């Protein structure tokens, strides 16, 4: 039996077939990740569609991974296990901001990851190391007491997952808005401003502000509120 997610083949014919495909576990995970990111949803690929994309039979995939869940774990490990947090001053505010931005950057680069984290629990140690050990250690090393660091990171994770998921259908919110997104933003603002005034007076009056809700400033607002709350709690306990 081969350890981990591998299926023991025990038969020369299967081993020969696997060798002939030239596949690697990483190639399978990367392809699954690309397919999921294209739709922003980890459930948008099946073992059959993944096999077709790779140009192999479905049973060949099962010689590398037992189940689709094992591939999803591999996707989480690939993305979160490689997450890096830039260096910065070792103070609570800087650590919170860097961890928050790094997590959001990962979810923007891989839109399916936010939904993956929200929808399922993974015990993959590589994913756990990148998404829990490293950011929590960064917060604790910056002077945030352990229990508070855990709550702080929980808030960052929930905010990043929610914000990145909300963002998927509202691409005009990105700070690097291109012409297409700018036009989408203009149209959406026009839509809000055009609602029946008698029923939606607040929406009409705040149309330009509402369209900015999926913008970077909203995420930063939440993180700065967290920074203030952490500073206050540290001050009370010291």
C-alpha atoms as a PDB file:
ATOM      1  CA  UNK A   1       0.000   0.000   0.000  1.00  0.00           C
ATOM      2  CA  UNK A   2       1.315   3.447  -0.905  1.00  0.00           C
ATOM      3  CA  UNK A   3       0.807   5.982   1.858  1.00  0.00           C
ATOM      4  CA  UNK A   4      -1.254   9.173   1.770  1.00  0.00           C
ATOM      5  CA  UNK A   5      -3.780   9.750  -0.993  1.00  0.00           C
ATOM      6  CA  UNK A   6      -2.299   7.219  -3.394  1.00  0.00           C
ATOM      7  CA  UNK A   7      -4.155   4.076  -4.345  1.00  0.00           C
ATOM      8  CA  UNK A   8      -2.025   0.943  -4.244  1.00  0.00           C
ATOM      9  CA  UNK A   9      -2.098  -0.567  -7.721  1.00  0.00           C
ATOM     10  CA  UNK A  10      -0.238  -3.791  -7.090  1.00  0.00           C
ATOM     11  CA  UNK A  11      -0.512  -4.610 -10.744  1.00  0.00           C
ATOM     12  CA  UNK A  12       2.034  -4.086 -13.467  1.00  0.00           C
ATOM     13  CA  UNK A  13      -0.521  -3.117 -16.087  1.00  0.00           C
ATOM     14  CA  UNK A  14      -1.702  -0.110 -14.063  1.00  0.00           C
ATOM     15  CA  UNK A  15       1.844   0.907 -13.241  1.00  0.00           C
ATOM     16  CA  UNK A  16       2.745   0.777 -16.908  1.00  0.00           C
ATOM     17  CA  UNK A  17      -0.311   2.880 -17.808  1.00  0.00           C
ATOM     18  CA  UNK A  18       0.558   5.486 -15.169  1.00  0.00           C
ATOM     19  CA  UNK A  19       4.137   5.715 -16.374  1.00  0.00           C
ATOM     20  CA  UNK A  20       2.923   6.195 -19.922  1.00  0.00           C
ATOM     21  CA  UNK A  21       0.751   9.196 -19.071  1.00  0.00           C
ATOM     22  CA  UNK A  22       3.637  11.272 -17.764  1.00  0.00           C
ATOM     23  CA  UNK A  23       1.272  12.663 -15.124  1.00  0.00           C
ATOM     24  CA  UNK A  24       2.323  13.898 -11.723  1.00  0.00           C
ATOM     25  CA  UNK A  25       0.212  14.632  -8.669  1.00  0.00           C
ATOM     26  CA  UNK A  26       1.163  18.285  -8.935  1.00  0.00           C
ATOM     27  CA  UNK A  27       0.014  18.441 -12.558  1.00  0.00           C
ATOM     28  CA  UNK A  28      -3.368  17.014 -11.587  1.00  0.00           C
ATOM     29  CA  UNK A  29      -3.753  19.483  -8.729  1.00  0.00           C
ATOM     30  CA  UNK A  30      -2.673  22.438 -10.865  1.00  0.00           C
ATOM     31  CA  UNK A  31      -5.149  21.525 -13.594  1.00  0.00           C
ATOM     32  CA  UNK A  32      -7.984  21.054 -11.092  1.00  0.00           C
ATOM     33  CA  UNK A  33      -7.113  24.401  -9.535  1.00  0.00           C
ATOM     34  CA  UNK A  34      -7.147  26.139 -12.915  1.00  0.00           C
ATOM     35  CA  UNK A  35     -10.535  24.640 -13.770  1.00  0.00           C
ATOM     36  CA  UNK A  36     -11.995  25.578 -10.388  1.00  0.00           C
ATOM     37  CA  UNK A  37     -10.588  29.110 -10.500  1.00  0.00           C
ATOM     38  CA  UNK A  38     -12.079  29.688 -13.940  1.00  0.00           C
ATOM     39  CA  UNK A  39     -15.536  29.336 -12.367  1.00  0.00           C
ATOM     40  CA  UNK A  40     -14.623  30.535  -8.879  1.00  0.00           C
ATOM     41  CA  UNK A  41     -16.026  27.293  -7.507  1.00  0.00           C
ATOM     42  CA  UNK A  42     -14.161  24.111  -6.473  1.00  0.00           C
ATOM     43  CA  UNK A  43     -17.243  22.034  -7.325  1.00  0.00           C
ATOM     44  CA  UNK A  44     -17.185  23.050 -10.987  1.00  0.00           C
ATOM     45  CA  UNK A  45     -14.959  20.171 -12.016  1.00  0.00           C
ATOM     46  CA  UNK A  46     -15.639  16.448 -11.830  1.00  0.00           C
ATOM     47  CA  UNK A  47     -13.210  13.567 -11.980  1.00  0.00           C
ATOM     48  CA  UNK A  48     -14.460  12.908 -15.496  1.00  0.00           C
ATOM     49  CA  UNK A  49     -14.023  16.495 -16.707  1.00  0.00           C
ATOM     50  CA  UNK A  50     -10.608  16.698 -15.035  1.00  0.00           C
ATOM     51  CA  UNK A  51      -9.513  13.473 -16.704  1.00  0.00           C
ATOM     52  CA  UNK A  52     -10.712  14.793 -20.067  1.00  0.00           C
ATOM     53  CA  UNK A  53      -8.791  18.042 -19.557  1.00  0.00           C
ATOM     54  CA  UNK A  54      -5.650  16.045 -18.800  1.00  0.00           C
ATOM     55  CA  UNK A  55      -6.226  13.676 -21.711  1.00  0.00           C
ATOM     56  CA  UNK A  56      -6.350  10.516 -19.594  1.00  0.00           C
ATOM     57  CA  UNK A  57      -8.952   8.017 -18.456  1.00  0.00           C
ATOM     58  CA  UNK A  58     -10.846   8.597 -15.226  1.00  0.00           C
ATOM     59  CA  UNK A  59      -9.406   5.470 -13.662  1.00  0.00           C
ATOM     60  CA  UNK A  60      -5.913   6.831 -14.200  1.00  0.00           C
ATOM     61  CA  UNK A  61      -6.701   9.692 -11.820  1.00  0.00           C
ATOM     62  CA  UNK A  62      -7.666   7.193  -9.156  1.00  0.00           C
ATOM     63  CA  UNK A  63      -4.166   5.736  -9.254  1.00  0.00           C
ATOM     64  CA  UNK A  64      -2.968   9.113  -7.924  1.00  0.00           C
ATOM     65  CA  UNK A  65      -5.858  10.234  -5.698  1.00  0.00           C
ATOM     66  CA  UNK A  66      -8.490   8.105  -4.010  1.00  0.00           C
ATOM     67  CA  UNK A  67     -11.291  10.663  -4.307  1.00  0.00           C
ATOM     68  CA  UNK A  68     -12.135  14.148  -5.493  1.00  0.00           C
ATOM     69  CA  UNK A  69     -11.903  15.256  -1.864  1.00  0.00           C
ATOM     70  CA  UNK A  70      -8.251  14.209  -1.891  1.00  0.00           C
ATOM     71  CA  UNK A  71      -7.699  16.462  -4.904  1.00  0.00           C
ATOM     72  CA  UNK A  72      -9.467  19.324  -3.123  1.00  0.00           C
ATOM     73  CA  UNK A  73      -7.118  18.799  -0.191  1.00  0.00           C
ATOM     74  CA  UNK A  74      -4.239  18.933  -2.633  1.00  0.00           C
ATOM     75  CA  UNK A  75      -5.536  22.221  -4.031  1.00  0.00           C
ATOM     76  CA  UNK A  76      -5.741  23.715  -0.543  1.00  0.00           C
ATOM     77  CA  UNK A  77      -2.242  22.487   0.231  1.00  0.00           C
ATOM     78  CA  UNK A  78      -0.873  23.895  -3.018  1.00  0.00           C
ATOM     79  CA  UNK A  79      -2.286  27.373  -2.528  1.00  0.00           C
ATOM     80  CA  UNK A  80      -2.241  27.816   1.237  1.00  0.00           C
ATOM     81  CA  UNK A  81       0.931  25.828   1.795  1.00  0.00           C
ATOM     82  CA  UNK A  82       2.790  28.255  -0.455  1.00  0.00           C
ATOM     83  CA  UNK A  83       1.254  31.429   0.976  1.00  0.00           C
ATOM     84  CA  UNK A  84       3.884  33.915   2.065  1.00  0.00           C
ATOM     85  CA  UNK A  85       3.568  36.978   4.272  1.00  0.00           C
ATOM     86  CA  UNK A  86       5.910  39.895   3.483  1.00  0.00           C
ATOM     87  CA  UNK A  87       8.338  40.984   6.153  1.00  0.00           C
ATOM     88  CA  UNK A  88       7.467  44.062   8.161  1.00  0.00           C
ATOM     89  CA  UNK A  89       7.748  45.741  11.540  1.00  0.00           C
ATOM     90  CA  UNK A  90       6.973  43.445  14.453  1.00  0.00           C
ATOM     91  CA  UNK A  91       4.031  45.401  15.840  1.00  0.00           C
ATOM     92  CA  UNK A  92       0.409  44.219  16.037  1.00  0.00           C
ATOM     93  CA  UNK A  93      -1.022  46.655  13.483  1.00  0.00           C
ATOM     94  CA  UNK A  94       1.559  45.887  10.801  1.00  0.00           C
ATOM     95  CA  UNK A  95       1.290  42.138  11.360  1.00  0.00           C
ATOM     96  CA  UNK A  96      -2.520  42.244  11.096  1.00  0.00           C
ATOM     97  CA  UNK A  97      -2.405  44.280   7.883  1.00  0.00           C
ATOM     98  CA  UNK A  98       0.215  42.051   6.248  1.00  0.00           C
ATOM     99  CA  UNK A  99      -1.563  38.825   7.165  1.00  0.00           C
ATOM    100  CA  UNK A 100      -4.894  40.231   5.969  1.00  0.00           C
ATOM    101  CA  UNK A 101      -3.502  41.421   2.642  1.00  0.00           C
ATOM    102  CA  UNK A 102      -1.610  38.179   2.012  1.00  0.00           C
ATOM    103  CA  UNK A 103      -4.737  36.105   2.597  1.00  0.00           C
ATOM    104  CA  UNK A 104      -6.844  38.308   0.334  1.00  0.00           C
ATOM    105  CA  UNK A 105      -4.168  38.212  -2.389  1.00  0.00           C
ATOM    106  CA  UNK A 106      -4.239  34.402  -2.341  1.00  0.00           C
ATOM    107  CA  UNK A 107      -8.021  34.340  -2.672  1.00  0.00           C
ATOM    108  CA  UNK A 108      -7.945  36.838  -5.508  1.00  0.00           C
ATOM    109  CA  UNK A 109      -5.324  34.842  -7.386  1.00  0.00           C
ATOM    110  CA  UNK A 110      -7.272  31.628  -6.780  1.00  0.00           C
ATOM    111  CA  UNK A 111     -10.982  32.527  -6.534  1.00  0.00           C
ATOM    112  CA  UNK A 112     -12.009  28.952  -5.763  1.00  0.00           C
ATOM    113  CA  UNK A 113      -9.959  28.823  -2.560  1.00  0.00           C
ATOM    114  CA  UNK A 114     -12.278  31.064  -0.544  1.00  0.00           C
ATOM    115  CA  UNK A 115     -15.232  28.826  -1.295  1.00  0.00           C
ATOM    116  CA  UNK A 116     -13.095  25.766  -0.685  1.00  0.00           C
ATOM    117  CA  UNK A 117     -12.235  26.978   2.818  1.00  0.00           C
ATOM    118  CA  UNK A 118     -15.809  28.022   3.531  1.00  0.00           C
ATOM    119  CA  UNK A 119     -17.380  24.766   2.382  1.00  0.00           C
ATOM    120  CA  UNK A 120     -15.104  22.071   3.755  1.00  0.00           C
ATOM    121  CA  UNK A 121     -12.624  21.250   6.480  1.00  0.00           C
ATOM    122  CA  UNK A 122      -9.206  19.968   5.482  1.00  0.00           C
ATOM    123  CA  UNK A 123      -6.710  18.232   7.723  1.00  0.00           C
ATOM    124  CA  UNK A 124      -3.942  18.458   5.138  1.00  0.00           C
ATOM    125  CA  UNK A 125      -0.859  19.464   7.119  1.00  0.00           C
ATOM    126  CA  UNK A 126       0.678  21.576   4.333  1.00  0.00           C
ATOM    127  CA  UNK A 127      -2.513  23.612   4.042  1.00  0.00           C
ATOM    128  CA  UNK A 128      -2.725  23.867   7.822  1.00  0.00           C
ATOM    129  CA  UNK A 129       0.870  25.042   8.072  1.00  0.00           C
ATOM    130  CA  UNK A 130       0.427  27.802   5.510  1.00  0.00           C
ATOM    131  CA  UNK A 131      -3.037  28.919   6.554  1.00  0.00           C
ATOM    132  CA  UNK A 132      -2.791  28.522  10.337  1.00  0.00           C
ATOM    133  CA  UNK A 133       0.696  28.044  11.747  1.00  0.00           C
ATOM    134  CA  UNK A 134       2.485  30.771   9.769  1.00  0.00           C
ATOM    135  CA  UNK A 135      -0.078  33.615  10.140  1.00  0.00           C
ATOM    136  CA  UNK A 136      -0.850  32.792  13.781  1.00  0.00           C
ATOM    137  CA  UNK A 137       2.845  32.722  14.625  1.00  0.00           C
ATOM    138  CA  UNK A 138       3.270  36.076  12.878  1.00  0.00           C
ATOM    139  CA  UNK A 139       0.521  37.632  14.981  1.00  0.00           C
ATOM    140  CA  UNK A 140       1.814  36.151  18.233  1.00  0.00           C
ATOM    141  CA  UNK A 141       5.403  37.177  17.478  1.00  0.00           C
ATOM    142  CA  UNK A 142       4.125  40.723  16.904  1.00  0.00           C
ATOM    143  CA  UNK A 143       2.977  40.875  20.515  1.00  0.00           C
ATOM    144  CA  UNK A 144      -0.655  39.796  20.264  1.00  0.00           C
ATOM    145  CA  UNK A 145      -1.533  37.363  23.079  1.00  0.00           C
ATOM    146  CA  UNK A 146      -2.300  33.847  21.806  1.00  0.00           C
ATOM    147  CA  UNK A 147      -6.061  33.689  22.447  1.00  0.00           C
ATOM    148  CA  UNK A 148      -6.506  37.183  21.008  1.00  0.00           C
ATOM    149  CA  UNK A 149      -4.325  36.271  18.018  1.00  0.00           C
ATOM    150  CA  UNK A 150      -6.576  33.286  17.306  1.00  0.00           C
ATOM    151  CA  UNK A 151      -9.725  35.452  17.413  1.00  0.00           C
ATOM    152  CA  UNK A 152      -7.987  38.105  15.349  1.00  0.00           C
ATOM    153  CA  UNK A 153      -7.007  35.607  12.666  1.00  0.00           C
ATOM    154  CA  UNK A 154     -10.501  34.122  12.712  1.00  0.00           C
ATOM    155  CA  UNK A 155     -11.915  37.551  11.931  1.00  0.00           C
ATOM    156  CA  UNK A 156      -9.391  38.058   9.106  1.00  0.00           C
ATOM    157  CA  UNK A 157     -10.190  34.648   7.601  1.00  0.00           C
ATOM    158  CA  UNK A 158     -13.960  35.157   7.706  1.00  0.00           C
ATOM    159  CA  UNK A 159     -13.649  38.675   6.293  1.00  0.00           C
ATOM    160  CA  UNK A 160     -11.314  37.545   3.489  1.00  0.00           C
ATOM    161  CA  UNK A 161     -13.551  34.611   2.532  1.00  0.00           C
ATOM    162  CA  UNK A 162     -16.694  36.735   2.566  1.00  0.00           C
ATOM    163  CA  UNK A 163     -15.138  39.685   0.782  1.00  0.00           C
ATOM    164  CA  UNK A 164     -13.455  37.615  -1.946  1.00  0.00           C
ATOM    165  CA  UNK A 165     -16.672  35.644  -2.561  1.00  0.00           C
ATOM    166  CA  UNK A 166     -18.736  38.846  -2.736  1.00  0.00           C
ATOM    167  CA  UNK A 167     -16.157  40.264  -5.102  1.00  0.00           C
ATOM    168  CA  UNK A 168     -16.485  37.479  -7.669  1.00  0.00           C
ATOM    169  CA  UNK A 169     -19.724  38.820  -9.121  1.00  0.00           C
ATOM    170  CA  UNK A 170     -18.643  42.468  -8.730  1.00  0.00           C
ATOM    171  CA  UNK A 171     -15.265  42.827 -10.497  1.00  0.00           C
ATOM    172  CA  UNK A 172     -15.555  46.597 -10.736  1.00  0.00           C
ATOM    173  CA  UNK A 173     -14.498  46.729  -7.092  1.00  0.00           C
ATOM    174  CA  UNK A 174     -10.844  45.961  -7.755  1.00  0.00           C
ATOM    175  CA  UNK A 175      -8.443  48.861  -7.326  1.00  0.00           C
ATOM    176  CA  UNK A 176      -6.806  48.094 -10.705  1.00  0.00           C
ATOM    177  CA  UNK A 177     -10.081  48.523 -12.577  1.00  0.00           C
ATOM    178  CA  UNK A 178      -9.733  48.323 -16.356  1.00  0.00           C
ATOM    179  CA  UNK A 179     -12.010  49.764 -19.014  1.00  0.00           C
ATOM    180  CA  UNK A 180     -14.478  46.862 -18.919  1.00  0.00           C
ATOM    181  CA  UNK A 181     -14.760  46.945 -15.147  1.00  0.00           C
ATOM    182  CA  UNK A 182     -15.070  50.742 -15.149  1.00  0.00           C
ATOM    183  CA  UNK A 183     -17.993  50.434 -17.553  1.00  0.00           C
ATOM    184  CA  UNK A 184     -19.580  47.775 -15.331  1.00  0.00           C
ATOM    185  CA  UNK A 185     -19.190  50.112 -12.377  1.00  0.00           C
ATOM    186  CA  UNK A 186     -20.809  52.982 -14.284  1.00  0.00           C
ATOM    187  CA  UNK A 187     -23.728  50.795 -15.329  1.00  0.00           C
ATOM    188  CA  UNK A 188     -24.249  49.477 -11.824  1.00  0.00           C
ATOM    189  CA  UNK A 189     -24.224  52.940 -10.315  1.00  0.00           C
ATOM    190  CA  UNK A 190     -26.735  54.016 -12.957  1.00  0.00           C
ATOM    191  CA  UNK A 191     -28.911  51.031 -12.002  1.00  0.00           C
ATOM    192  CA  UNK A 192     -28.935  51.955  -8.313  1.00  0.00           C
ATOM    193  CA  UNK A 193     -29.560  55.607  -9.069  1.00  0.00           C
ATOM    194  CA  UNK A 194     -32.480  54.659 -11.318  1.00  0.00           C
ATOM    195  CA  UNK A 195     -34.501  52.729  -8.729  1.00  0.00           C
ATOM    196  CA  UNK A 196     -37.963  54.131  -7.892  1.00  0.00           C
ATOM    197  CA  UNK A 197     -37.231  57.049  -5.583  1.00  0.00           C
ATOM    198  CA  UNK A 198     -40.382  56.584  -3.485  1.00  0.00           C
ATOM    199  CA  UNK A 199     -39.349  53.057  -2.507  1.00  0.00           C
ATOM    200  CA  UNK A 200     -35.551  53.345  -2.536  1.00  0.00           C
ATOM    201  CA  UNK A 201     -34.688  56.907  -1.461  1.00  0.00           C
ATOM    202  CA  UNK A 202     -31.582  55.798   0.451  1.00  0.00           C
ATOM    203  CA  UNK A 203     -30.303  53.560  -2.374  1.00  0.00           C
ATOM    204  CA  UNK A 204     -30.766  56.330  -4.926  1.00  0.00           C
ATOM    205  CA  UNK A 205     -29.009  58.923  -2.778  1.00  0.00           C
ATOM    206  CA  UNK A 206     -26.111  56.597  -1.979  1.00  0.00           C
ATOM    207  CA  UNK A 207     -25.781  54.989  -5.421  1.00  0.00           C
ATOM    208  CA  UNK A 208     -22.162  56.097  -5.884  1.00  0.00           C
ATOM    209  CA  UNK A 209     -21.257  54.819  -2.418  1.00  0.00           C
ATOM    210  CA  UNK A 210     -23.093  51.503  -2.724  1.00  0.00           C
ATOM    211  CA  UNK A 211     -21.249  50.662  -5.916  1.00  0.00           C
ATOM    212  CA  UNK A 212     -18.002  51.051  -3.975  1.00  0.00           C
ATOM    213  CA  UNK A 213     -18.931  48.398  -1.396  1.00  0.00           C
ATOM    214  CA  UNK A 214     -16.935  45.638  -3.163  1.00  0.00           C
ATOM    215  CA  UNK A 215     -13.926  47.978  -3.385  1.00  0.00           C
ATOM    216  CA  UNK A 216     -10.626  47.558  -1.582  1.00  0.00           C
ATOM    217  CA  UNK A 217     -11.536  50.338   0.827  1.00  0.00           C
ATOM    218  CA  UNK A 218     -14.259  48.157   2.351  1.00  0.00           C
ATOM    219  CA  UNK A 219     -11.806  45.372   3.178  1.00  0.00           C
ATOM    220  CA  UNK A 220      -9.316  47.858   4.583  1.00  0.00           C
ATOM    221  CA  UNK A 221     -12.084  49.457   6.668  1.00  0.00           C
ATOM    222  CA  UNK A 222     -12.794  46.094   8.287  1.00  0.00           C
ATOM    223  CA  UNK A 223      -9.108  45.416   8.930  1.00  0.00           C
ATOM    224  CA  UNK A 224      -8.543  48.866  10.448  1.00  0.00           C
ATOM    225  CA  UNK A 225     -11.533  48.323  12.725  1.00  0.00           C
ATOM    226  CA  UNK A 226      -9.874  45.074  13.814  1.00  0.00           C
ATOM    227  CA  UNK A 227      -6.560  46.862  14.422  1.00  0.00           C
ATOM    228  CA  UNK A 228      -8.302  49.371  16.687  1.00  0.00           C
ATOM    229  CA  UNK A 229     -10.123  46.627  18.592  1.00  0.00           C
ATOM    230  CA  UNK A 230      -6.906  44.649  19.112  1.00  0.00           C
ATOM    231  CA  UNK A 231      -5.051  47.733  20.361  1.00  0.00           C
ATOM    232  CA  UNK A 232      -7.821  48.443  22.859  1.00  0.00           C
ATOM    233  CA  UNK A 233      -7.882  44.864  24.128  1.00  0.00           C
ATOM    234  CA  UNK A 234      -4.106  44.716  24.508  1.00  0.00           C
ATOM    235  CA  UNK A 235      -4.184  47.992  26.434  1.00  0.00           C
ATOM    236  CA  UNK A 236      -6.783  46.582  28.834  1.00  0.00           C
ATOM    237  CA  UNK A 237      -4.835  43.392  29.510  1.00  0.00           C
ATOM    238  CA  UNK A 238      -1.397  44.937  29.972  1.00  0.00           C
END
